[in-house]
PDB file of N, CA and C in Angstrom:
ATOM      1  N   UNK A   1       0.840  -0.728  -0.232  1.00  0.00           N
ATOM      2  CA  UNK A   1       0.155   0.038   0.220  1.00  0.00           C
ATOM      3  C   UNK A   1       0.754   1.353   0.116  1.00  0.00           C
ATOM      4  N   UNK A   2       0.976   2.324  -0.882  1.00  0.00           N
ATOM      5  CA  UNK A   2       1.588   3.250  -1.347  1.00  0.00           C
ATOM      6  C   UNK A   2       0.480   4.837  -0.806  1.00  0.00           C
ATOM      7  N   UNK A   3       1.101   5.451  -0.127  1.00  0.00           N
ATOM      8  CA  UNK A   3       0.253   6.860  -0.094  1.00  0.00           C
ATOM      9  C   UNK A   3       1.351   8.165  -0.669  1.00  0.00           C
ATOM     10  N   UNK A   4       0.715   9.080  -1.573  1.00  0.00           N
ATOM     11  CA  UNK A   4       1.539   9.784  -2.527  1.00  0.00           C
ATOM     12  C   UNK A   4       1.774  10.789  -1.001  1.00  0.00           C
ATOM     13  N   UNK A   5       2.840  11.363  -0.404  1.00  0.00           N
ATOM     14  CA  UNK A   5       3.205  11.971   0.427  1.00  0.00           C
ATOM     15  C   UNK A   5       2.875  13.875   0.323  1.00  0.00           C
ATOM     16  N   UNK A   6       3.040  14.154  -0.602  1.00  0.00           N
ATOM     17  CA  UNK A   6       3.210  15.830  -1.068  1.00  0.00           C
ATOM     18  C   UNK A   6       1.803  16.184  -1.257  1.00  0.00           C
ATOM     19  N   UNK A   7       0.914  15.383  -0.874  1.00  0.00           N
ATOM     20  CA  UNK A   7      -0.601  15.635  -1.526  1.00  0.00           C
ATOM     21  C   UNK A   7      -1.386  16.120  -0.381  1.00  0.00           C
ATOM     22  N   UNK A   8      -2.410  16.810  -0.908  1.00  0.00           N
ATOM     23  CA  UNK A   8      -3.741  17.477   0.179  1.00  0.00           C
ATOM     24  C   UNK A   8      -4.658  15.821   0.276  1.00  0.00           C
ATOM     25  N   UNK A   9      -4.762  16.132   1.354  1.00  0.00           N
ATOM     26  CA  UNK A   9      -6.241  15.261   1.763  1.00  0.00           C
ATOM     27  C   UNK A   9      -7.501  15.483   2.130  1.00  0.00           C
ATOM     28  N   UNK A  10      -8.360  15.768   0.881  1.00  0.00           N
ATOM     29  CA  UNK A  10      -9.468  16.306   0.848  1.00  0.00           C
ATOM     30  C   UNK A  10     -10.764  15.875   0.561  1.00  0.00           C
ATOM     31  N   UNK A  11     -10.248  14.511   0.083  1.00  0.00           N
ATOM     32  CA  UNK A  11     -11.156  13.304   0.153  1.00  0.00           C
ATOM     33  C   UNK A  11     -10.703  11.757   0.198  1.00  0.00           C
ATOM     34  N   UNK A  12     -11.146  11.123   0.545  1.00  0.00           N
ATOM     35  CA  UNK A  12     -10.598   9.467   0.566  1.00  0.00           C
ATOM     36  C   UNK A  12     -10.615   8.853  -0.681  1.00  0.00           C
ATOM     37  N   UNK A  13      -9.268   8.573  -1.660  1.00  0.00           N
ATOM     38  CA  UNK A  13      -9.132   8.266  -2.421  1.00  0.00           C
ATOM     39  C   UNK A  13      -8.589   6.684  -2.729  1.00  0.00           C
ATOM     40  N   UNK A  14      -9.327   6.047  -3.482  1.00  0.00           N
ATOM     41  CA  UNK A  14      -8.509   4.505  -3.276  1.00  0.00           C
ATOM     42  C   UNK A  14      -7.983   4.147  -4.769  1.00  0.00           C
ATOM     43  N   UNK A  15      -6.920   2.993  -4.795  1.00  0.00           N
ATOM     44  CA  UNK A  15      -6.832   3.080  -6.208  1.00  0.00           C
ATOM     45  C   UNK A  15      -6.463   1.948  -5.961  1.00  0.00           C
ATOM     46  N   UNK A  16      -6.917   0.754  -6.747  1.00  0.00           N
ATOM     47  CA  UNK A  16      -6.459  -0.451  -6.671  1.00  0.00           C
ATOM     48  C   UNK A  16      -5.324  -0.656  -8.263  1.00  0.00           C
ATOM     49  N   UNK A  17      -4.431  -1.095  -8.068  1.00  0.00           N
ATOM     50  CA  UNK A  17      -3.371  -1.404  -9.018  1.00  0.00           C
ATOM     51  C   UNK A  17      -2.699  -2.463  -9.424  1.00  0.00           C
ATOM     52  N   UNK A  18      -2.169  -2.958 -10.344  1.00  0.00           N
ATOM     53  CA  UNK A  18      -1.293  -4.288 -10.055  1.00  0.00           C
ATOM     54  C   UNK A  18      -0.142  -3.894 -11.023  1.00  0.00           C
ATOM     55  N   UNK A  19       0.349  -5.291 -11.377  1.00  0.00           N
ATOM     56  CA  UNK A  19       2.121  -5.228 -11.560  1.00  0.00           C
ATOM     57  C   UNK A  19       1.985  -4.524 -13.172  1.00  0.00           C
ATOM     58  N   UNK A  20       3.152  -3.260 -13.262  1.00  0.00           N
ATOM     59  CA  UNK A  20       3.261  -3.456 -14.764  1.00  0.00           C
ATOM     60  C   UNK A  20       1.925  -2.798 -15.827  1.00  0.00           C
ATOM     61  N   UNK A  21       1.559  -1.774 -14.898  1.00  0.00           N
ATOM     62  CA  UNK A  21       0.140  -1.172 -15.447  1.00  0.00           C
ATOM     63  C   UNK A  21       0.118   0.257 -15.571  1.00  0.00           C
ATOM     64  N   UNK A  22       0.014   0.535 -17.208  1.00  0.00           N
ATOM     65  CA  UNK A  22       0.205   1.928 -17.918  1.00  0.00           C
ATOM     66  C   UNK A  22      -1.169   2.714 -17.492  1.00  0.00           C
ATOM     67  N   UNK A  23      -2.416   1.882 -17.725  1.00  0.00           N
ATOM     68  CA  UNK A  23      -3.648   2.838 -17.167  1.00  0.00           C
ATOM     69  C   UNK A  23      -3.350   3.019 -15.664  1.00  0.00           C
ATOM     70  N   UNK A  24      -2.745   2.321 -14.690  1.00  0.00           N
ATOM     71  CA  UNK A  24      -2.303   2.728 -13.475  1.00  0.00           C
ATOM     72  C   UNK A  24      -1.549   3.877 -12.940  1.00  0.00           C
ATOM     73  N   UNK A  25      -0.639   3.840 -13.831  1.00  0.00           N
ATOM     74  CA  UNK A  25       0.325   5.108 -13.894  1.00  0.00           C
ATOM     75  C   UNK A  25      -0.528   6.268 -14.430  1.00  0.00           C
ATOM     76  N   UNK A  26      -1.063   6.404 -15.237  1.00  0.00           N
ATOM     77  CA  UNK A  26      -2.223   7.231 -15.882  1.00  0.00           C
ATOM     78  C   UNK A  26      -2.785   7.807 -15.143  1.00  0.00           C
ATOM     79  N   UNK A  27      -3.628   7.124 -14.111  1.00  0.00           N
ATOM     80  CA  UNK A  27      -4.739   7.322 -12.954  1.00  0.00           C
ATOM     81  C   UNK A  27      -3.780   7.767 -11.835  1.00  0.00           C
ATOM     82  N   UNK A  28      -2.706   7.599 -11.495  1.00  0.00           N
ATOM     83  CA  UNK A  28      -1.933   7.904 -10.397  1.00  0.00           C
ATOM     84  C   UNK A  28      -1.434   9.825 -10.793  1.00  0.00           C
ATOM     85  N   UNK A  29      -0.948   9.585 -12.252  1.00  0.00           N
ATOM     86  CA  UNK A  29      -0.567  10.904 -12.124  1.00  0.00           C
ATOM     87  C   UNK A  29      -1.455  12.140 -12.509  1.00  0.00           C
ATOM     88  N   UNK A  30      -2.774  11.289 -13.018  1.00  0.00           N
ATOM     89  CA  UNK A  30      -4.026  12.518 -13.097  1.00  0.00           C
ATOM     90  C   UNK A  30      -4.378  12.858 -11.228  1.00  0.00           C
ATOM     91  N   UNK A  31      -4.237  11.960 -10.387  1.00  0.00           N
ATOM     92  CA  UNK A  31      -4.538  12.672  -9.089  1.00  0.00           C
ATOM     93  C   UNK A  31      -2.937  13.266  -8.657  1.00  0.00           C
ATOM     94  N   UNK A  32      -1.909  12.740  -8.791  1.00  0.00           N
ATOM     95  CA  UNK A  32      -0.547  13.548  -8.473  1.00  0.00           C
ATOM     96  C   UNK A  32      -0.712  14.930  -8.902  1.00  0.00           C
ATOM     97  N   UNK A  33      -1.525  15.327 -10.154  1.00  0.00           N
ATOM     98  CA  UNK A  33      -1.296  16.357 -11.089  1.00  0.00           C
ATOM     99  C   UNK A  33      -2.595  17.411 -10.366  1.00  0.00           C
ATOM    100  N   UNK A  34      -3.105  16.638  -9.482  1.00  0.00           N
ATOM    101  CA  UNK A  34      -3.995  17.732  -8.501  1.00  0.00           C
ATOM    102  C   UNK A  34      -3.704  17.868  -6.861  1.00  0.00           C
ATOM    103  N   UNK A  35      -2.450  17.297  -6.645  1.00  0.00           N
ATOM    104  CA  UNK A  35      -2.034  16.988  -5.327  1.00  0.00           C
ATOM    105  C   UNK A  35      -2.720  16.233  -4.338  1.00  0.00           C
ATOM    106  N   UNK A  36      -3.425  15.037  -5.090  1.00  0.00           N
ATOM    107  CA  UNK A  36      -4.305  14.591  -4.035  1.00  0.00           C
ATOM    108  C   UNK A  36      -3.876  13.052  -3.575  1.00  0.00           C
ATOM    109  N   UNK A  37      -4.035  13.045  -2.161  1.00  0.00           N
ATOM    110  CA  UNK A  37      -3.349  12.096  -1.299  1.00  0.00           C
ATOM    111  C   UNK A  37      -4.253  10.989  -1.664  1.00  0.00           C
ATOM    112  N   UNK A  38      -3.559   9.729  -2.337  1.00  0.00           N
ATOM    113  CA  UNK A  38      -4.632   8.449  -2.189  1.00  0.00           C
ATOM    114  C   UNK A  38      -3.970   7.512  -1.614  1.00  0.00           C
ATOM    115  N   UNK A  39      -4.291   6.175  -1.579  1.00  0.00           N
ATOM    116  CA  UNK A  39      -4.124   5.266  -0.696  1.00  0.00           C
ATOM    117  C   UNK A  39      -3.886   4.350  -2.063  1.00  0.00           C
ATOM    118  N   UNK A  40      -2.928   3.585  -2.364  1.00  0.00           N
ATOM    119  CA  UNK A  40      -2.869   2.742  -3.617  1.00  0.00           C
ATOM    120  C   UNK A  40      -2.311   0.959  -2.914  1.00  0.00           C
ATOM    121  N   UNK A  41      -3.605   0.048  -3.318  1.00  0.00           N
ATOM    122  CA  UNK A  41      -3.558  -1.216  -3.204  1.00  0.00           C
ATOM    123  C   UNK A  41      -3.513  -2.126  -4.246  1.00  0.00           C
ATOM    124  N   UNK A  42      -2.144  -2.714  -4.046  1.00  0.00           N
ATOM    125  CA  UNK A  42      -1.647  -3.457  -5.091  1.00  0.00           C
ATOM    126  C   UNK A  42      -2.738  -4.663  -4.930  1.00  0.00           C
ATOM    127  N   UNK A  43      -2.677  -5.561  -6.126  1.00  0.00           N
ATOM    128  CA  UNK A  43      -3.431  -6.590  -5.983  1.00  0.00           C
ATOM    129  C   UNK A  43      -2.074  -7.538  -6.071  1.00  0.00           C
ATOM    130  N   UNK A  44      -2.776  -8.937  -5.604  1.00  0.00           N
ATOM    131  CA  UNK A  44      -1.669  -9.841  -5.945  1.00  0.00           C
ATOM    132  C   UNK A  44      -0.680 -10.148  -4.593  1.00  0.00           C
ATOM    133  N   UNK A  45      -0.682  -9.112  -3.700  1.00  0.00           N
ATOM    134  CA  UNK A  45      -0.056  -9.231  -2.603  1.00  0.00           C
ATOM    135  C   UNK A  45      -0.728  -9.738  -1.171  1.00  0.00           C
ATOM    136  N   UNK A  46      -1.875  -9.747  -1.026  1.00  0.00           N
ATOM    137  CA  UNK A  46      -2.798 -10.090  -0.211  1.00  0.00           C
ATOM    138  C   UNK A  46      -4.023 -10.854  -0.408  1.00  0.00           C
ATOM    139  N   UNK A  47      -4.576 -12.010   0.017  1.00  0.00           N
ATOM    140  CA  UNK A  47      -5.542 -12.423  -0.453  1.00  0.00           C
ATOM    141  C   UNK A  47      -6.814 -11.188   0.066  1.00  0.00           C
ATOM    142  N   UNK A  48      -6.449 -10.861   1.285  1.00  0.00           N
ATOM    143  CA  UNK A  48      -7.598  -9.915   1.903  1.00  0.00           C
ATOM    144  C   UNK A  48      -7.921  -8.994   0.694  1.00  0.00           C
ATOM    145  N   UNK A  49      -6.929  -8.177   0.388  1.00  0.00           N
ATOM    146  CA  UNK A  49      -6.951  -7.167  -0.643  1.00  0.00           C
ATOM    147  C   UNK A  49      -7.783  -7.620  -1.976  1.00  0.00           C
ATOM    148  N   UNK A  50      -7.433  -9.122  -2.312  1.00  0.00           N
ATOM    149  CA  UNK A  50      -7.842  -9.418  -3.934  1.00  0.00           C
ATOM    150  C   UNK A  50      -9.117  -9.942  -3.590  1.00  0.00           C
ATOM    151  N   UNK A  51      -9.718  -9.993  -2.019  1.00  0.00           N
ATOM    152  CA  UNK A  51     -11.579 -10.529  -2.237  1.00  0.00           C
ATOM    153  C   UNK A  51     -11.946  -9.279  -1.859  1.00  0.00           C
ATOM    154  N   UNK A  52     -11.077  -8.613  -1.040  1.00  0.00           N
ATOM    155  CA  UNK A  52     -11.924  -7.004  -1.200  1.00  0.00           C
ATOM    156  C   UNK A  52     -12.032  -6.135  -2.551  1.00  0.00           C
ATOM    157  N   UNK A  53     -11.068  -5.972  -3.177  1.00  0.00           N
ATOM    158  CA  UNK A  53     -11.316  -5.868  -4.905  1.00  0.00           C
ATOM    159  C   UNK A  53     -12.416  -6.414  -5.296  1.00  0.00           C
ATOM    160  N   UNK A  54     -12.643  -8.178  -5.270  1.00  0.00           N
ATOM    161  CA  UNK A  54     -13.537  -8.412  -6.082  1.00  0.00           C
ATOM    162  C   UNK A  54     -15.256  -7.980  -5.872  1.00  0.00           C
ATOM    163  N   UNK A  55     -15.390  -7.790  -3.758  1.00  0.00           N
ATOM    164  CA  UNK A  55     -16.642  -7.582  -3.680  1.00  0.00           C
ATOM    165  C   UNK A  55     -16.790  -5.875  -4.121  1.00  0.00           C
ATOM    166  N   UNK A  56     -15.741  -5.178  -3.638  1.00  0.00           N
ATOM    167  CA  UNK A  56     -16.278  -3.949  -4.117  1.00  0.00           C
ATOM    168  C   UNK A  56     -16.502  -3.471  -5.195  1.00  0.00           C
ATOM    169  N   UNK A  57     -16.236  -3.947  -6.402  1.00  0.00           N
ATOM    170  CA  UNK A  57     -16.095  -3.877  -8.227  1.00  0.00           C
ATOM    171  C   UNK A  57     -16.759  -5.024  -8.755  1.00  0.00           C
ATOM    172  N   UNK A  58     -17.362  -6.105  -7.879  1.00  0.00           N
ATOM    173  CA  UNK A  58     -18.851  -6.632  -8.473  1.00  0.00           C
ATOM    174  C   UNK A  58     -17.865  -7.689  -9.739  1.00  0.00           C
ATOM    175  N   UNK A  59     -16.551  -7.836  -9.414  1.00  0.00           N
ATOM    176  CA  UNK A  59     -15.660  -8.722  -9.839  1.00  0.00           C
ATOM    177  C   UNK A  59     -15.158  -7.923 -11.337  1.00  0.00           C
ATOM    178  N   UNK A  60     -14.682  -6.491 -11.090  1.00  0.00           N
ATOM    179  CA  UNK A  60     -13.822  -6.137 -12.345  1.00  0.00           C
ATOM    180  C   UNK A  60     -12.622  -7.267 -12.862  1.00  0.00           C
ATOM    181  N   UNK A  61     -12.625  -7.243 -14.059  1.00  0.00           N
ATOM    182  CA  UNK A  61     -11.242  -7.732 -14.339  1.00  0.00           C
ATOM    183  C   UNK A  61     -10.022  -6.855 -14.420  1.00  0.00           C
ATOM    184  N   UNK A  62     -10.304  -5.638 -14.646  1.00  0.00           N
ATOM    185  CA  UNK A  62      -9.039  -4.650 -15.106  1.00  0.00           C
ATOM    186  C   UNK A  62      -8.731  -3.978 -14.173  1.00  0.00           C
ATOM    187  N   UNK A  63      -7.504  -3.008 -13.853  1.00  0.00           N
ATOM    188  CA  UNK A  63      -7.263  -2.185 -13.106  1.00  0.00           C
ATOM    189  C   UNK A  63      -6.585  -1.114 -13.873  1.00  0.00           C
ATOM    190  N   UNK A  64      -6.796   0.247 -13.221  1.00  0.00           N
ATOM    191  CA  UNK A  64      -6.966   0.539 -11.710  1.00  0.00           C
ATOM    192  C   UNK A  64      -8.373   0.577 -11.742  1.00  0.00           C
ATOM    193  N   UNK A  65      -9.011   0.616 -10.282  1.00  0.00           N
ATOM    194  CA  UNK A  65     -10.069   0.482  -9.974  1.00  0.00           C
ATOM    195  C   UNK A  65     -10.055   1.676  -8.796  1.00  0.00           C
ATOM    196  N   UNK A  66     -10.860   3.000  -9.541  1.00  0.00           N
ATOM    197  CA  UNK A  66     -10.914   3.761  -8.430  1.00  0.00           C
ATOM    198  C   UNK A  66     -11.949   4.359  -7.341  1.00  0.00           C
ATOM    199  N   UNK A  67     -11.640   4.587  -6.037  1.00  0.00           N
ATOM    200  CA  UNK A  67     -13.175   4.890  -4.970  1.00  0.00           C
ATOM    201  C   UNK A  67     -12.391   6.181  -4.976  1.00  0.00           C
ATOM    202  N   UNK A  68     -13.652   7.096  -4.885  1.00  0.00           N
ATOM    203  CA  UNK A  68     -13.463   8.451  -3.597  1.00  0.00           C
ATOM    204  C   UNK A  68     -14.558   8.473  -2.678  1.00  0.00           C
ATOM    205  N   UNK A  69     -14.101   8.610  -2.248  1.00  0.00           N
ATOM    206  CA  UNK A  69     -15.240   8.440  -0.616  1.00  0.00           C
ATOM    207  C   UNK A  69     -16.057   7.114  -0.555  1.00  0.00           C
ATOM    208  N   UNK A  70     -15.445   5.958  -0.829  1.00  0.00           N
ATOM    209  CA  UNK A  70     -16.138   5.313  -0.904  1.00  0.00           C
ATOM    210  C   UNK A  70     -16.570   4.704  -1.979  1.00  0.00           C
ATOM    211  N   UNK A  71     -17.187   5.614  -2.818  1.00  0.00           N
ATOM    212  CA  UNK A  71     -18.196   5.504  -4.297  1.00  0.00           C
ATOM    213  C   UNK A  71     -17.024   5.146  -5.403  1.00  0.00           C
ATOM    214  N   UNK A  72     -17.457   3.934  -5.946  1.00  0.00           N
ATOM    215  CA  UNK A  72     -16.953   3.419  -6.983  1.00  0.00           C
ATOM    216  C   UNK A  72     -16.699   4.267  -8.187  1.00  0.00           C
ATOM    217  N   UNK A  73     -15.650   4.923  -8.553  1.00  0.00           N
ATOM    218  CA  UNK A  73     -15.606   5.741  -9.920  1.00  0.00           C
ATOM    219  C   UNK A  73     -15.770   4.603 -10.901  1.00  0.00           C
ATOM    220  N   UNK A  74     -14.626   3.792 -10.971  1.00  0.00           N
ATOM    221  CA  UNK A  74     -14.424   2.952 -12.034  1.00  0.00           C
ATOM    222  C   UNK A  74     -12.883   2.755 -12.443  1.00  0.00           C
ATOM    223  N   UNK A  75     -12.489   2.732 -14.117  1.00  0.00           N
ATOM    224  CA  UNK A  75     -11.009   2.496 -14.322  1.00  0.00           C
ATOM    225  C   UNK A  75     -10.622   3.948 -14.782  1.00  0.00           C
ATOM    226  N   UNK A  76      -9.377   3.777 -15.372  1.00  0.00           N
ATOM    227  CA  UNK A  76      -8.784   4.873 -15.218  1.00  0.00           C
ATOM    228  C   UNK A  76      -9.638   6.059 -16.577  1.00  0.00           C
ATOM    229  N   UNK A  77     -10.321   5.257 -17.703  1.00  0.00           N
ATOM    230  CA  UNK A  77     -10.787   6.136 -18.512  1.00  0.00           C
ATOM    231  C   UNK A  77     -12.148   6.608 -17.807  1.00  0.00           C
ATOM    232  N   UNK A  78     -12.532   6.302 -17.010  1.00  0.00           N
ATOM    233  CA  UNK A  78     -13.799   6.574 -15.696  1.00  0.00           C
ATOM    234  C   UNK A  78     -13.480   8.151 -15.437  1.00  0.00           C
ATOM    235  N   UNK A  79     -12.330   7.788 -14.760  1.00  0.00           N
ATOM    236  CA  UNK A  79     -11.361   9.048 -14.127  1.00  0.00           C
ATOM    237  C   UNK A  79     -11.318  10.178 -14.999  1.00  0.00           C
ATOM    238  N   UNK A  80     -10.855   9.844 -16.156  1.00  0.00           N
ATOM    239  CA  UNK A  80     -10.369  10.640 -16.692  1.00  0.00           C
ATOM    240  C   UNK A  80     -11.786  11.770 -17.792  1.00  0.00           C
ATOM    241  N   UNK A  81     -13.094  10.548 -17.802  1.00  0.00           N
ATOM    242  CA  UNK A  81     -14.123  11.239 -18.325  1.00  0.00           C
ATOM    243  C   UNK A  81     -14.897  12.245 -17.105  1.00  0.00           C
ATOM    244  N   UNK A  82     -14.614  11.927 -16.039  1.00  0.00           N
ATOM    245  CA  UNK A  82     -15.128  12.644 -14.708  1.00  0.00           C
ATOM    246  C   UNK A  82     -14.100  14.069 -14.791  1.00  0.00           C
ATOM    247  N   UNK A  83     -12.864  13.925 -14.938  1.00  0.00           N
ATOM    248  CA  UNK A  83     -12.304  14.943 -15.164  1.00  0.00           C
ATOM    249  C   UNK A  83     -12.631  15.595 -16.130  1.00  0.00           C
ATOM    250  N   UNK A  84     -12.788  15.526 -17.482  1.00  0.00           N
ATOM    251  CA  UNK A  84     -13.455  15.985 -18.718  1.00  0.00           C
ATOM    252  C   UNK A  84     -14.316  17.001 -18.248  1.00  0.00           C
ATOM    253  N   UNK A  85     -15.329  16.095 -17.403  1.00  0.00           N
ATOM    254  CA  UNK A  85     -16.855  16.991 -17.381  1.00  0.00           C
ATOM    255  C   UNK A  85     -17.129  17.553 -16.475  1.00  0.00           C
ATOM    256  N   UNK A  86     -15.740  17.936 -15.711  1.00  0.00           N
ATOM    257  CA  UNK A  86     -15.679  19.028 -14.946  1.00  0.00           C
ATOM    258  C   UNK A  86     -16.421  18.436 -13.380  1.00  0.00           C
ATOM    259  N   UNK A  87     -15.658  17.431 -13.414  1.00  0.00           N
ATOM    260  CA  UNK A  87     -16.728  16.638 -12.068  1.00  0.00           C
ATOM    261  C   UNK A  87     -15.529  16.123 -11.115  1.00  0.00           C
ATOM    262  N   UNK A  88     -14.686  15.700 -11.618  1.00  0.00           N
ATOM    263  CA  UNK A  88     -13.275  15.164 -10.966  1.00  0.00           C
ATOM    264  C   UNK A  88     -13.280  16.027  -9.427  1.00  0.00           C
ATOM    265  N   UNK A  89     -12.988  17.044  -9.488  1.00  0.00           N
ATOM    266  CA  UNK A  89     -12.441  18.196  -8.714  1.00  0.00           C
ATOM    267  C   UNK A  89     -13.273  18.428  -7.618  1.00  0.00           C
ATOM    268  N   UNK A  90     -14.764  18.373  -7.896  1.00  0.00           N
ATOM    269  CA  UNK A  90     -15.681  18.464  -6.699  1.00  0.00           C
ATOM    270  C   UNK A  90     -15.856  17.178  -6.277  1.00  0.00           C
ATOM    271  N   UNK A  91     -16.053  15.867  -7.144  1.00  0.00           N
ATOM    272  CA  UNK A  91     -15.941  15.051  -5.957  1.00  0.00           C
ATOM    273  C   UNK A  91     -14.778  14.724  -4.896  1.00  0.00           C
ATOM    274  N   UNK A  92     -13.560  15.085  -5.459  1.00  0.00           N
ATOM    275  CA  UNK A  92     -12.237  15.138  -4.655  1.00  0.00           C
ATOM    276  C   UNK A  92     -12.352  16.265  -3.633  1.00  0.00           C
ATOM    277  N   UNK A  93     -12.870  17.148  -3.526  1.00  0.00           N
ATOM    278  CA  UNK A  93     -13.263  18.184  -2.476  1.00  0.00           C
ATOM    279  C   UNK A  93     -12.563  19.386  -3.085  1.00  0.00           C
ATOM    280  N   UNK A  94     -11.959  19.666  -4.164  1.00  0.00           N
ATOM    281  CA  UNK A  94     -11.200  21.234  -4.373  1.00  0.00           C
ATOM    282  C   UNK A  94     -12.258  22.015  -4.835  1.00  0.00           C
ATOM    283  N   UNK A  95     -13.467  21.818  -5.469  1.00  0.00           N
ATOM    284  CA  UNK A  95     -13.977  22.646  -5.644  1.00  0.00           C
ATOM    285  C   UNK A  95     -15.520  22.846  -4.985  1.00  0.00           C
ATOM    286  N   UNK A  96     -16.894  23.360  -5.230  1.00  0.00           N
ATOM    287  CA  UNK A  96     -18.076  23.104  -5.240  1.00  0.00           C
ATOM    288  C   UNK A  96     -18.983  22.304  -5.860  1.00  0.00           C
ATOM    289  N   UNK A  97     -19.759  21.432  -5.857  1.00  0.00           N
ATOM    290  CA  UNK A  97     -20.598  20.769  -6.446  1.00  0.00           C
ATOM    291  C   UNK A  97     -21.215  21.848  -7.403  1.00  0.00           C
ATOM    292  N   UNK A  98     -20.952  21.644  -9.076  1.00  0.00           N
ATOM    293  CA  UNK A  98     -21.430  22.073 -10.038  1.00  0.00           C
ATOM    294  C   UNK A  98     -22.933  21.900 -10.452  1.00  0.00           C
ATOM    295  N   UNK A  99     -23.804  22.830 -10.976  1.00  0.00           N
ATOM    296  CA  UNK A  99     -25.313  22.798 -11.075  1.00  0.00           C
ATOM    297  C   UNK A  99     -25.524  21.824 -12.306  1.00  0.00           C
ATOM    298  N   UNK A 100     -25.897  20.683 -12.193  1.00  0.00           N
ATOM    299  CA  UNK A 100     -26.529  19.858 -13.671  1.00  0.00           C
ATOM    300  C   UNK A 100     -27.773  19.869 -13.766  1.00  0.00           C
ATOM    301  N   UNK A 101     -28.167  20.158 -14.883  1.00  0.00           N
ATOM    302  CA  UNK A 101     -29.448  20.416 -15.254  1.00  0.00           C
ATOM    303  C   UNK A 101     -30.027  18.551 -15.457  1.00  0.00           C
ATOM    304  N   UNK A 102     -31.591  18.910 -15.014  1.00  0.00           N
ATOM    305  CA  UNK A 102     -31.989  17.181 -14.897  1.00  0.00           C
ATOM    306  C   UNK A 102     -32.232  16.830 -15.959  1.00  0.00           C
ATOM    307  N   UNK A 103     -32.106  17.730 -17.196  1.00  0.00           N
ATOM    308  CA  UNK A 103     -31.792  16.865 -18.353  1.00  0.00           C
ATOM    309  C   UNK A 103     -30.519  16.551 -18.895  1.00  0.00           C
ATOM    310  N   UNK A 104     -29.575  16.813 -18.256  1.00  0.00           N
ATOM    311  CA  UNK A 104     -28.345  16.302 -18.629  1.00  0.00           C
ATOM    312  C   UNK A 104     -28.373  14.896 -17.682  1.00  0.00           C
ATOM    313  N   UNK A 105     -28.624  15.209 -16.798  1.00  0.00           N
ATOM    314  CA  UNK A 105     -28.974  13.497 -15.859  1.00  0.00           C
ATOM    315  C   UNK A 105     -29.311  12.918 -16.199  1.00  0.00           C
ATOM    316  N   UNK A 106     -30.573  13.053 -17.115  1.00  0.00           N
ATOM    317  CA  UNK A 106     -31.529  11.886 -17.402  1.00  0.00           C
ATOM    318  C   UNK A 106     -30.820  11.504 -18.831  1.00  0.00           C
ATOM    319  N   UNK A 107     -29.337  12.289 -19.560  1.00  0.00           N
ATOM    320  CA  UNK A 107     -29.210  12.167 -20.471  1.00  0.00           C
ATOM    321  C   UNK A 107     -27.927  10.985 -20.457  1.00  0.00           C
ATOM    322  N   UNK A 108     -27.294  11.511 -18.925  1.00  0.00           N
ATOM    323  CA  UNK A 108     -26.176  10.654 -18.761  1.00  0.00           C
ATOM    324  C   UNK A 108     -26.278   9.459 -18.193  1.00  0.00           C
ATOM    325  N   UNK A 109     -27.622   9.025 -17.549  1.00  0.00           N
ATOM    326  CA  UNK A 109     -28.225   7.942 -17.253  1.00  0.00           C
ATOM    327  C   UNK A 109     -28.398   7.288 -18.064  1.00  0.00           C
ATOM    328  N   UNK A 110     -29.434   7.485 -19.655  1.00  0.00           N
ATOM    329  CA  UNK A 110     -29.645   6.875 -20.630  1.00  0.00           C
ATOM    330  C   UNK A 110     -28.659   6.103 -21.528  1.00  0.00           C
ATOM    331  N   UNK A 111     -27.609   7.076 -21.042  1.00  0.00           N
ATOM    332  CA  UNK A 111     -26.290   6.602 -21.648  1.00  0.00           C
ATOM    333  C   UNK A 111     -25.102   5.621 -21.158  1.00  0.00           C
ATOM    334  N   UNK A 112     -25.855   5.614 -19.706  1.00  0.00           N
ATOM    335  CA  UNK A 112     -25.142   4.672 -18.893  1.00  0.00           C
ATOM    336  C   UNK A 112     -23.770   5.023 -18.425  1.00  0.00           C
ATOM    337  N   UNK A 113     -23.940   6.465 -18.174  1.00  0.00           N
ATOM    338  CA  UNK A 113     -22.753   6.800 -17.707  1.00  0.00           C
ATOM    339  C   UNK A 113     -22.914   7.435 -16.533  1.00  0.00           C
ATOM    340  N   UNK A 114     -22.021   6.954 -15.534  1.00  0.00           N
ATOM    341  CA  UNK A 114     -21.659   7.193 -13.825  1.00  0.00           C
ATOM    342  C   UNK A 114     -21.293   9.189 -13.621  1.00  0.00           C
ATOM    343  N   UNK A 115     -20.475   9.568 -14.508  1.00  0.00           N
ATOM    344  CA  UNK A 115     -20.554  10.775 -14.621  1.00  0.00           C
ATOM    345  C   UNK A 115     -21.224  11.882 -14.462  1.00  0.00           C
TER     346      UNK A 115
END
């Protein structure tokens, strides 16, 4: 388990990672660029962590898998989409929550988007 030491602790961020994972590096770089403290949980080192991962992610097969304040965000691509949509910073506690219209919420729901 690694923790970024030069970062702010504004939200509880956990990132499940694996060995030689480029997407994991990308996700951590995005969080580092925002100076966010996160807990890295390496899979394959502990049966307990592996079991917890399967339970929390409904058996996800890929890493990274990211949680912010115990809410499952998804993989590196989902994290990037949250950032592009302008919603990552408020989820991390860096900005106030933006107002999203009901129409936009409905559109996102129908498209199966979590962000």
